[in-house]
Amino acid sequence: MPDSANVLFEAARQLPEEERLSLVSRILDTLPVDDLTASIDDPDLLLELERRFADSEGAISWSALQAEG
């Protein structure tokens, strides 16, 4: 994440819950609707999930990802 996004994220984390929810809602309103309509029934998503599941050699554990920071 770029430095400016990290600064904004950390500032947003300090807001009360109600203000964070309002901020998230406002940001989501700026995104195209198509980006928000992903569905678990989407054939392309299902194919990608199946591909990733089958590629256990290429998998990275959550702890390894966290360590990369």
Protein backbone atom coordinates (compact mmCIF):
# COMPACT_ATOMS: atom_id res chain seq x y z
CA MET A 1 0.00 0.00 0.00
CA PRO A 2 1.43 3.45 -0.84
CA ASP A 3 2.52 5.60 2.08
CA SER A 4 -0.41 8.01 1.65
CA ALA A 5 -2.88 5.11 1.81
CA ASN A 6 -1.18 3.77 4.95
CA VAL A 7 -1.39 7.20 6.60
CA LEU A 8 -5.09 7.45 5.74
CA PHE A 9 -5.74 3.90 6.91
CA GLU A 10 -4.06 4.48 10.26
CA ALA A 11 -5.96 7.75 10.73
CA ALA A 12 -9.24 6.02 9.85
CA ARG A 13 -8.55 3.26 12.38
CA GLN A 14 -8.52 5.90 15.11
CA LEU A 15 -12.05 7.06 14.29
CA PRO A 16 -15.03 5.86 16.31
CA GLU A 17 -16.84 2.88 14.76
CA GLU A 18 -19.77 4.94 13.47
CA GLU A 19 -17.43 7.35 11.66
CA ARG A 20 -15.39 4.45 10.19
CA LEU A 21 -18.60 2.90 8.83
CA SER A 22 -19.63 6.22 7.33
CA LEU A 23 -16.20 6.63 5.72
CA VAL A 24 -16.29 3.12 4.26
CA SER A 25 -19.75 3.76 2.86
CA ARG A 26 -18.63 7.01 1.26
CA ILE A 27 -15.56 5.36 -0.29
CA LEU A 28 -17.63 2.45 -1.63
CA ASP A 29 -20.00 4.98 -3.22
CA THR A 30 -17.07 6.23 -5.34
CA LEU A 31 -16.43 2.79 -6.89
CA PRO A 32 -18.14 1.54 -10.03
CA VAL A 33 -21.06 -0.75 -9.24
CA ASP A 34 -19.57 -3.54 -11.39
CA ASP A 35 -16.67 -3.83 -8.94
CA LEU A 36 -19.07 -4.52 -6.08
CA THR A 37 -21.11 -7.27 -7.66
CA ALA A 38 -18.75 -10.24 -7.29
CA SER A 39 -20.69 -13.38 -6.55
CA ILE A 40 -19.65 -16.78 -5.28
CA ASP A 41 -21.74 -18.12 -8.17
CA ASP A 42 -19.57 -16.31 -10.76
CA PRO A 43 -18.14 -19.04 -13.03
CA ASP A 44 -14.84 -17.16 -13.43
CA LEU A 45 -14.46 -16.87 -9.67
CA LEU A 46 -15.22 -20.57 -9.21
CA LEU A 47 -12.62 -21.51 -11.83
CA GLU A 48 -10.01 -19.31 -10.16
CA LEU A 49 -10.77 -20.76 -6.73
CA GLU A 50 -10.51 -24.29 -8.10
CA ARG A 51 -7.20 -23.42 -9.79
CA ARG A 52 -5.77 -22.00 -6.58
CA PHE A 53 -6.98 -24.96 -4.53
CA ALA A 54 -5.34 -27.40 -6.95
CA ASP A 55 -2.03 -25.48 -6.81
CA SER A 56 -1.02 -26.34 -3.25
CA GLU A 57 2.66 -26.00 -4.22
CA GLY A 58 2.12 -22.31 -4.99
CA ALA A 59 0.21 -21.62 -1.80
CA ILE A 60 1.60 -19.23 0.79
CA SER A 61 0.48 -19.56 4.39
CA TRP A 62 -1.21 -16.66 6.15
CA SER A 63 1.65 -16.51 8.69
CA ALA A 64 4.19 -16.25 5.84
CA LEU A 65 2.22 -13.41 4.26
CA GLN A 66 2.02 -11.60 7.59
CA ALA A 67 5.77 -12.01 8.09
CA GLU A 68 6.39 -10.37 4.69
CA GLY A 69 4.43 -7.42 6.05
